[in-house]
Amino acid sequence: MLPRPTPRLRFREMGAADLDAMAGLLGDPRVMEFYPAPKTRDEAAAWIAWNQRNYAEHGYGLWIIETHGGAFVGDCGLTWQDVDGVLRLEVGYHVGTEFLRRGLATEAAGACRDLARDELGAAELVAIIDPANTASRRVAEKIGLRELGTTGWRTVLGTTFG
């Protein structure tokens, strides 16, 4: 199960062949500015394995996003996250620095929102964001998520469907 292609992007499952691209993305200090630290190559491999488990268990996870011409852009998708003891479906996204400020994260996240609502029949969708990450917050707001509260040091934005 994949989101529908967008005007500029397509989605595919990530696999072992994506390790170099994912290690570069998740190891980039600018991309990972609002995480505790950039990820190592081994942590990027674990990220890929986690998503492969998500595909097997749920039919979705974070997918590779690439241009229609095949250029690697980043990852975006749907994962279950524990928010104060409650599992909630989250849309997550990372875009390489060379693709920032082009609306690609919004385009990909919107396709994932549509999949959650239209194909999965999800009751809600959230994004869990560092309060200082204004760019990520703008993406969430552009796809219709609104602030619901906080969990620890992070802001939870969300929307309900139906």
N, C-alpha and C. Protein backbone atom coordinates (compact mmCIF):
# COMPACT_ATOMS: atom_id res chain seq x y z
N MET A 1 0.85 -1.18 0.00
CA MET A 1 0.00 0.00 0.00
C MET A 1 0.90 1.24 0.00
N LEU A 2 0.70 2.08 -0.98
CA LEU A 2 1.49 3.31 -1.09
C LEU A 2 0.55 4.50 -1.32
N PRO A 3 0.97 5.69 -0.89
CA PRO A 3 0.21 6.88 -1.27
C PRO A 3 0.24 7.05 -2.79
N ARG A 4 -0.75 7.72 -3.30
CA ARG A 4 -0.76 8.02 -4.73
C ARG A 4 0.38 8.98 -5.07
N PRO A 5 0.94 8.85 -6.25
CA PRO A 5 1.96 9.83 -6.66
C PRO A 5 1.36 11.24 -6.64
N THR A 6 2.22 12.20 -6.41
CA THR A 6 1.82 13.61 -6.42
C THR A 6 2.33 14.21 -7.74
N PRO A 7 2.04 15.47 -8.00
CA PRO A 7 2.55 16.05 -9.25
C PRO A 7 4.07 15.95 -9.42
N ARG A 8 4.82 15.97 -8.28
CA ARG A 8 6.28 15.96 -8.39
C ARG A 8 6.95 14.73 -7.77
N LEU A 9 6.21 13.93 -7.01
CA LEU A 9 6.82 12.86 -6.22
C LEU A 9 6.14 11.52 -6.42
N ARG A 10 6.91 10.49 -6.14
CA ARG A 10 6.36 9.13 -6.06
C ARG A 10 6.92 8.50 -4.79
N PHE A 11 6.25 7.46 -4.33
CA PHE A 11 6.59 6.76 -3.10
C PHE A 11 6.98 5.33 -3.41
N ARG A 12 7.88 4.77 -2.59
CA ARG A 12 8.20 3.35 -2.66
C ARG A 12 8.72 2.89 -1.30
N GLU A 13 8.62 1.60 -1.07
CA GLU A 13 9.15 1.06 0.18
C GLU A 13 10.66 1.20 0.20
N MET A 14 11.21 1.44 1.39
CA MET A 14 12.66 1.51 1.51
C MET A 14 13.21 0.12 1.78
N GLY A 15 14.43 -0.10 1.32
CA GLY A 15 15.09 -1.38 1.50
C GLY A 15 16.58 -1.20 1.70
N ALA A 16 17.29 -2.31 1.79
CA ALA A 16 18.73 -2.30 2.06
C ALA A 16 19.50 -1.47 1.04
N ALA A 17 19.04 -1.43 -0.20
CA ALA A 17 19.73 -0.67 -1.24
C ALA A 17 19.66 0.84 -0.99
N ASP A 18 18.81 1.26 -0.09
CA ASP A 18 18.65 2.69 0.23
C ASP A 18 19.55 3.15 1.38
N LEU A 19 20.41 2.26 1.88
CA LEU A 19 21.20 2.61 3.06
C LEU A 19 22.06 3.85 2.84
N ASP A 20 22.74 3.97 1.73
CA ASP A 20 23.59 5.15 1.52
C ASP A 20 22.76 6.43 1.55
N ALA A 21 21.64 6.43 0.83
CA ALA A 21 20.79 7.62 0.79
C ALA A 21 20.20 7.94 2.16
N MET A 22 19.72 6.92 2.86
CA MET A 22 19.11 7.16 4.18
C MET A 22 20.16 7.56 5.21
N ALA A 23 21.36 6.98 5.14
CA ALA A 23 22.43 7.37 6.06
C ALA A 23 22.82 8.82 5.82
N GLY A 24 22.84 9.24 4.55
CA GLY A 24 23.13 10.63 4.26
C GLY A 24 22.05 11.57 4.78
N LEU A 25 20.79 11.19 4.58
CA LEU A 25 19.66 12.00 5.04
C LEU A 25 19.63 12.09 6.56
N LEU A 26 19.62 10.93 7.22
CA LEU A 26 19.47 10.90 8.68
C LEU A 26 20.75 11.27 9.41
N GLY A 27 21.87 11.31 8.69
CA GLY A 27 23.13 11.73 9.28
C GLY A 27 23.43 13.21 9.08
N ASP A 28 22.55 13.90 8.36
CA ASP A 28 22.74 15.32 8.06
C ASP A 28 22.32 16.16 9.28
N PRO A 29 23.25 16.90 9.88
CA PRO A 29 22.90 17.69 11.07
C PRO A 29 21.76 18.68 10.83
N ARG A 30 21.64 19.21 9.63
CA ARG A 30 20.56 20.18 9.35
C ARG A 30 19.21 19.48 9.31
N VAL A 31 19.14 18.31 8.66
CA VAL A 31 17.89 17.54 8.61
C VAL A 31 17.49 17.09 10.02
N MET A 32 18.48 16.72 10.82
CA MET A 32 18.21 16.14 12.14
C MET A 32 18.35 17.17 13.27
N GLU A 33 18.28 18.43 12.93
CA GLU A 33 18.47 19.51 13.91
C GLU A 33 17.58 19.36 15.14
N PHE A 34 16.38 18.86 14.98
CA PHE A 34 15.44 18.81 16.11
C PHE A 34 15.34 17.41 16.71
N TYR A 35 16.29 16.55 16.41
CA TYR A 35 16.45 15.24 17.03
C TYR A 35 17.60 15.34 18.02
N PRO A 36 17.72 14.38 18.93
CA PRO A 36 18.85 14.45 19.87
C PRO A 36 20.21 14.51 19.18
N ALA A 37 20.35 13.80 18.05
CA ALA A 37 21.61 13.80 17.30
C ALA A 37 21.35 13.21 15.92
N PRO A 38 22.20 13.54 14.95
CA PRO A 38 22.10 12.85 13.66
C PRO A 38 22.32 11.35 13.88
N LYS A 39 21.78 10.55 12.98
CA LYS A 39 21.90 9.09 13.11
C LYS A 39 23.16 8.60 12.42
N THR A 40 23.73 7.54 13.00
CA THR A 40 24.89 6.88 12.42
C THR A 40 24.41 5.99 11.27
N ARG A 41 25.35 5.45 10.52
CA ARG A 41 25.01 4.52 9.44
C ARG A 41 24.28 3.30 10.00
N ASP A 42 24.73 2.78 11.14
CA ASP A 42 24.04 1.64 11.76
C ASP A 42 22.63 2.01 12.20
N GLU A 43 22.46 3.20 12.71
CA GLU A 43 21.11 3.65 13.09
C GLU A 43 20.23 3.85 11.87
N ALA A 44 20.80 4.29 10.76
CA ALA A 44 20.03 4.41 9.52
C ALA A 44 19.60 3.02 9.04
N ALA A 45 20.48 2.03 9.17
CA ALA A 45 20.12 0.65 8.81
C ALA A 45 18.99 0.16 9.70
N ALA A 46 19.04 0.49 10.99
CA ALA A 46 17.97 0.11 11.92
C ALA A 46 16.66 0.81 11.55
N TRP A 47 16.74 2.05 11.08
CA TRP A 47 15.57 2.82 10.63
C TRP A 47 14.89 2.11 9.46
N ILE A 48 15.70 1.66 8.51
CA ILE A 48 15.18 0.92 7.36
C ILE A 48 14.51 -0.37 7.83
N ALA A 49 15.17 -1.10 8.72
CA ALA A 49 14.61 -2.36 9.23
C ALA A 49 13.30 -2.11 9.98
N TRP A 50 13.23 -1.03 10.76
CA TRP A 50 12.00 -0.68 11.48
C TRP A 50 10.86 -0.44 10.49
N ASN A 51 11.16 0.27 9.42
CA ASN A 51 10.12 0.53 8.43
C ASN A 51 9.71 -0.74 7.70
N GLN A 52 10.65 -1.63 7.43
CA GLN A 52 10.29 -2.90 6.81
C GLN A 52 9.38 -3.72 7.72
N ARG A 53 9.62 -3.66 9.03
CA ARG A 53 8.71 -4.33 9.99
C ARG A 53 7.33 -3.67 9.96
N ASN A 54 7.31 -2.34 9.87
CA ASN A 54 6.02 -1.63 9.78
C ASN A 54 5.25 -2.03 8.53
N TYR A 55 5.93 -2.15 7.39
CA TYR A 55 5.25 -2.58 6.16
C TYR A 55 4.63 -3.96 6.36
N ALA A 56 5.41 -4.86 6.97
CA ALA A 56 4.93 -6.24 7.15
C ALA A 56 3.76 -6.29 8.13
N GLU A 57 3.84 -5.51 9.21
CA GLU A 57 2.81 -5.57 10.25
C GLU A 57 1.57 -4.75 9.91
N HIS A 58 1.77 -3.55 9.36
CA HIS A 58 0.64 -2.64 9.15
C HIS A 58 0.29 -2.40 7.69
N GLY A 59 1.24 -2.66 6.80
CA GLY A 59 1.03 -2.36 5.39
C GLY A 59 1.51 -0.96 5.02
N TYR A 60 2.08 -0.25 5.96
CA TYR A 60 2.59 1.11 5.73
C TYR A 60 3.68 1.42 6.74
N GLY A 61 4.38 2.49 6.50
CA GLY A 61 5.47 2.98 7.34
C GLY A 61 5.95 4.27 6.70
N LEU A 62 7.20 4.57 6.88
CA LEU A 62 7.81 5.69 6.16
C LEU A 62 8.31 5.14 4.83
N TRP A 63 8.01 5.83 3.77
CA TRP A 63 8.43 5.41 2.44
C TRP A 63 9.49 6.35 1.92
N ILE A 64 10.27 5.86 0.97
CA ILE A 64 11.18 6.72 0.22
C ILE A 64 10.32 7.63 -0.65
N ILE A 65 10.66 8.91 -0.66
CA ILE A 65 10.03 9.82 -1.63
C ILE A 65 11.11 10.23 -2.61
N GLU A 66 10.73 10.19 -3.88
CA GLU A 66 11.67 10.55 -4.94
C GLU A 66 10.91 11.27 -6.04
N THR A 67 11.67 12.00 -6.83
CA THR A 67 11.06 12.69 -7.97
C THR A 67 10.61 11.64 -8.98
N HIS A 68 9.77 12.04 -9.91
CA HIS A 68 9.35 11.11 -10.96
C HIS A 68 10.54 10.67 -11.81
N GLY A 69 11.60 11.46 -11.80
CA GLY A 69 12.82 11.09 -12.51
C GLY A 69 13.74 10.17 -11.72
N GLY A 70 13.37 9.88 -10.45
CA GLY A 70 14.14 8.94 -9.64
C GLY A 70 15.11 9.56 -8.66
N ALA A 71 15.16 10.89 -8.54
CA ALA A 71 16.07 11.53 -7.58
C ALA A 71 15.54 11.33 -6.16
N PHE A 72 16.40 10.90 -5.25
CA PHE A 72 16.05 10.71 -3.84
C PHE A 72 15.78 12.07 -3.19
N VAL A 73 14.61 12.19 -2.55
CA VAL A 73 14.22 13.43 -1.88
C VAL A 73 14.27 13.26 -0.37
N GLY A 74 13.81 12.11 0.15
CA GLY A 74 13.76 11.90 1.59
C GLY A 74 12.86 10.74 1.92
N ASP A 75 12.20 10.85 3.09
CA ASP A 75 11.21 9.85 3.46
C ASP A 75 9.98 10.53 4.03
N CYS A 76 8.86 9.86 3.92
CA CYS A 76 7.59 10.39 4.43
C CYS A 76 6.64 9.22 4.57
N GLY A 77 5.81 9.25 5.60
CA GLY A 77 4.84 8.18 5.74
C GLY A 77 4.10 8.21 7.05
N LEU A 78 3.56 7.04 7.38
CA LEU A 78 2.68 6.88 8.53
C LEU A 78 3.24 5.83 9.48
N THR A 79 3.35 6.19 10.76
CA THR A 79 3.81 5.24 11.78
C THR A 79 2.99 5.43 13.05
N TRP A 80 2.91 4.37 13.82
CA TRP A 80 2.23 4.44 15.12
C TRP A 80 3.22 4.94 16.16
N GLN A 81 2.80 5.95 16.92
CA GLN A 81 3.64 6.53 17.97
C GLN A 81 2.89 6.54 19.29
N ASP A 82 3.62 6.30 20.36
CA ASP A 82 3.06 6.35 21.71
C ASP A 82 3.04 7.81 22.15
N VAL A 83 1.85 8.34 22.36
CA VAL A 83 1.68 9.71 22.85
C VAL A 83 1.00 9.62 24.20
N ASP A 84 1.79 9.74 25.24
CA ASP A 84 1.28 9.67 26.61
C ASP A 84 0.48 8.39 26.86
N GLY A 85 1.03 7.26 26.38
CA GLY A 85 0.41 5.97 26.63
C GLY A 85 -0.68 5.58 25.64
N VAL A 86 -0.93 6.41 24.64
CA VAL A 86 -1.95 6.12 23.63
C VAL A 86 -1.27 6.03 22.26
N LEU A 87 -1.50 4.93 21.54
CA LEU A 87 -0.95 4.81 20.19
C LEU A 87 -1.75 5.68 19.23
N ARG A 88 -1.03 6.55 18.51
CA ARG A 88 -1.67 7.45 17.56
C ARG A 88 -0.93 7.39 16.25
N LEU A 89 -1.67 7.47 15.15
CA LEU A 89 -1.08 7.42 13.82
C LEU A 89 -0.46 8.77 13.51
N GLU A 90 0.84 8.74 13.21
CA GLU A 90 1.57 9.98 12.94
C GLU A 90 2.03 10.03 11.49
N VAL A 91 1.97 11.21 10.90
CA VAL A 91 2.62 11.46 9.62
C VAL A 91 3.99 12.06 9.94
N GLY A 92 5.02 11.47 9.34
CA GLY A 92 6.38 11.96 9.55
C GLY A 92 7.06 12.22 8.22
N TYR A 93 8.06 13.08 8.21
CA TYR A 93 8.72 13.46 6.97
C TYR A 93 10.10 14.01 7.24
N HIS A 94 11.02 13.67 6.35
CA HIS A 94 12.38 14.21 6.31
C HIS A 94 12.70 14.48 4.85
N VAL A 95 13.19 15.65 4.55
CA VAL A 95 13.54 16.02 3.18
C VAL A 95 14.98 16.48 3.17
N GLY A 96 15.75 16.02 2.18
CA GLY A 96 17.13 16.43 2.05
C GLY A 96 17.28 17.93 1.92
N THR A 97 18.39 18.45 2.41
CA THR A 97 18.57 19.90 2.45
C THR A 97 18.49 20.55 1.07
N GLU A 98 18.89 19.82 0.03
CA GLU A 98 18.83 20.41 -1.31
C GLU A 98 17.40 20.56 -1.82
N PHE A 99 16.44 19.96 -1.11
CA PHE A 99 15.04 20.03 -1.53
C PHE A 99 14.17 20.87 -0.59
N LEU A 100 14.78 21.49 0.41
CA LEU A 100 14.02 22.29 1.37
C LEU A 100 13.40 23.52 0.70
N ARG A 101 12.30 23.96 1.27
CA ARG A 101 11.61 25.20 0.85
C ARG A 101 11.05 25.13 -0.56
N ARG A 102 10.69 23.93 -0.98
CA ARG A 102 10.08 23.76 -2.30
C ARG A 102 8.66 23.19 -2.21
N GLY A 103 8.18 22.98 -0.97
CA GLY A 103 6.85 22.42 -0.79
C GLY A 103 6.76 20.92 -0.95
N LEU A 104 7.90 20.24 -1.05
CA LEU A 104 7.88 18.80 -1.28
C LEU A 104 7.43 18.02 -0.04
N ALA A 105 7.84 18.46 1.14
CA ALA A 105 7.38 17.78 2.36
C ALA A 105 5.87 17.92 2.50
N THR A 106 5.34 19.09 2.19
CA THR A 106 3.89 19.30 2.26
C THR A 106 3.17 18.43 1.25
N GLU A 107 3.70 18.35 0.05
CA GLU A 107 3.10 17.54 -1.01
C GLU A 107 3.07 16.07 -0.59
N ALA A 108 4.19 15.56 -0.07
CA ALA A 108 4.26 14.17 0.36
C ALA A 108 3.37 13.91 1.57
N ALA A 109 3.42 14.81 2.56
CA ALA A 109 2.61 14.62 3.77
C ALA A 109 1.12 14.67 3.44
N GLY A 110 0.72 15.52 2.50
CA GLY A 110 -0.67 15.57 2.08
C GLY A 110 -1.12 14.26 1.45
N ALA A 111 -0.26 13.64 0.65
CA ALA A 111 -0.60 12.34 0.05
C ALA A 111 -0.74 11.27 1.14
N CYS A 112 0.10 11.35 2.16
CA CYS A 112 0.00 10.39 3.27
C CYS A 112 -1.27 10.63 4.09
N ARG A 113 -1.62 11.89 4.30
CA ARG A 113 -2.88 12.22 4.97
C ARG A 113 -4.05 11.64 4.21
N ASP A 114 -4.05 11.80 2.89
CA ASP A 114 -5.14 11.27 2.07
C ASP A 114 -5.22 9.75 2.17
N LEU A 115 -4.08 9.08 2.17
CA LEU A 115 -4.07 7.62 2.32
C LEU A 115 -4.66 7.21 3.67
N ALA A 116 -4.23 7.90 4.73
CA ALA A 116 -4.74 7.58 6.07
C ALA A 116 -6.26 7.74 6.14
N ARG A 117 -6.76 8.81 5.58
CA ARG A 117 -8.18 9.12 5.62
C ARG A 117 -8.98 8.24 4.66
N ASP A 118 -8.55 8.17 3.42
CA ASP A 118 -9.38 7.56 2.37
C ASP A 118 -9.20 6.06 2.23
N GLU A 119 -8.01 5.55 2.47
CA GLU A 119 -7.75 4.12 2.28
C GLU A 119 -7.71 3.35 3.59
N LEU A 120 -7.12 3.94 4.62
CA LEU A 120 -7.00 3.25 5.90
C LEU A 120 -8.21 3.46 6.79
N GLY A 121 -8.99 4.49 6.51
CA GLY A 121 -10.13 4.80 7.37
C GLY A 121 -9.72 5.23 8.76
N ALA A 122 -8.55 5.88 8.88
CA ALA A 122 -8.07 6.32 10.19
C ALA A 122 -9.02 7.34 10.79
N ALA A 123 -9.15 7.30 12.11
CA ALA A 123 -10.00 8.25 12.81
C ALA A 123 -9.32 9.60 12.98
N GLU A 124 -7.98 9.57 13.08
CA GLU A 124 -7.23 10.81 13.27
C GLU A 124 -5.83 10.65 12.74
N LEU A 125 -5.15 11.76 12.60
CA LEU A 125 -3.75 11.79 12.19
C LEU A 125 -3.07 12.88 13.00
N VAL A 126 -1.86 12.58 13.49
CA VAL A 126 -1.12 13.57 14.28
C VAL A 126 0.27 13.75 13.71
N ALA A 127 0.91 14.82 14.13
CA ALA A 127 2.32 15.08 13.91
C ALA A 127 2.89 15.53 15.24
N ILE A 128 4.02 14.98 15.62
CA ILE A 128 4.66 15.29 16.90
C ILE A 128 5.93 16.08 16.57
N ILE A 129 5.97 17.34 16.99
CA ILE A 129 6.97 18.27 16.48
C ILE A 129 7.63 19.04 17.62
N ASP A 130 8.94 19.22 17.52
CA ASP A 130 9.67 20.09 18.44
C ASP A 130 9.09 21.50 18.28
N PRO A 131 8.74 22.18 19.37
CA PRO A 131 8.14 23.52 19.24
C PRO A 131 9.00 24.52 18.45
N ALA A 132 10.31 24.33 18.42
CA ALA A 132 11.18 25.25 17.70
C ALA A 132 11.24 24.95 16.20
N ASN A 133 10.68 23.82 15.77
CA ASN A 133 10.75 23.41 14.37
C ASN A 133 9.59 24.04 13.59
N THR A 134 9.73 25.30 13.29
CA THR A 134 8.64 26.03 12.64
C THR A 134 8.36 25.52 11.22
N ALA A 135 9.39 25.05 10.51
CA ALA A 135 9.17 24.54 9.15
C ALA A 135 8.30 23.28 9.18
N SER A 136 8.58 22.37 10.11
CA SER A 136 7.79 21.15 10.21
C SER A 136 6.36 21.48 10.66
N ARG A 137 6.24 22.42 11.54
CA ARG A 137 4.90 22.84 11.98
C ARG A 137 4.09 23.40 10.80
N ARG A 138 4.74 24.20 9.95
CA ARG A 138 4.05 24.75 8.78
C ARG A 138 3.55 23.65 7.86
N VAL A 139 4.37 22.61 7.67
CA VAL A 139 3.95 21.47 6.84
C VAL A 139 2.69 20.85 7.43
N ALA A 140 2.71 20.57 8.74
CA ALA A 140 1.56 19.96 9.40
C ALA A 140 0.32 20.84 9.27
N GLU A 141 0.48 22.13 9.47
CA GLU A 141 -0.67 23.03 9.37
C GLU A 141 -1.20 23.12 7.95
N LYS A 142 -0.32 23.09 6.95
CA LYS A 142 -0.75 23.17 5.56
C LYS A 142 -1.57 21.95 5.14
N ILE A 143 -1.36 20.80 5.81
CA ILE A 143 -2.17 19.62 5.48
C ILE A 143 -3.37 19.48 6.41
N GLY A 144 -3.64 20.51 7.21
CA GLY A 144 -4.86 20.54 8.00
C GLY A 144 -4.75 20.14 9.45
N LEU A 145 -3.54 19.96 9.97
CA LEU A 145 -3.37 19.61 11.37
C LEU A 145 -3.32 20.88 12.21
N ARG A 146 -3.91 20.81 13.39
CA ARG A 146 -3.94 21.94 14.32
C ARG A 146 -3.44 21.50 15.68
N GLU A 147 -2.92 22.44 16.45
CA GLU A 147 -2.33 22.11 17.75
C GLU A 147 -3.37 21.49 18.67
N LEU A 148 -2.99 20.33 19.24
CA LEU A 148 -3.85 19.63 20.19
C LEU A 148 -3.33 19.73 21.62
N GLY A 149 -2.03 19.97 21.77
CA GLY A 149 -1.44 20.03 23.11
C GLY A 149 0.02 19.68 23.04
N THR A 150 0.56 19.24 24.17
CA THR A 150 1.97 18.88 24.24
C THR A 150 2.12 17.50 24.86
N THR A 151 3.24 16.88 24.56
CA THR A 151 3.65 15.64 25.21
C THR A 151 5.14 15.80 25.51
N GLY A 152 5.48 15.82 26.78
CA GLY A 152 6.86 16.10 27.14
C GLY A 152 7.23 17.48 26.61
N TRP A 153 8.28 17.54 25.83
CA TRP A 153 8.76 18.81 25.28
C TRP A 153 8.28 19.03 23.85
N ARG A 154 7.45 18.16 23.33
CA ARG A 154 7.01 18.26 21.93
C ARG A 154 5.55 18.71 21.83
N THR A 155 5.25 19.35 20.71
CA THR A 155 3.89 19.79 20.40
C THR A 155 3.21 18.71 19.56
N VAL A 156 1.94 18.44 19.86
CA VAL A 156 1.16 17.49 19.08
C VAL A 156 0.14 18.28 18.27
N LEU A 157 0.21 18.11 16.95
CA LEU A 157 -0.78 18.69 16.06
C LEU A 157 -1.57 17.53 15.49
N GLY A 158 -2.83 17.76 15.19
CA GLY A 158 -3.63 16.66 14.64
C GLY A 158 -4.92 17.11 14.02
N THR A 159 -5.58 16.12 13.43
CA THR A 159 -6.90 16.33 12.85
C THR A 159 -7.67 15.04 12.98
N THR A 160 -8.97 15.15 13.04
CA THR A 160 -9.82 13.96 13.01
C THR A 160 -10.50 13.90 11.65
N PHE A 161 -10.85 12.69 11.24
CA PHE A 161 -11.51 12.47 9.97
C PHE A 161 -12.94 12.02 10.21
N GLY A 162 -13.81 12.39 9.31
CA GLY A 162 -15.19 11.88 9.35
C GLY A 162 -16.16 12.72 10.04
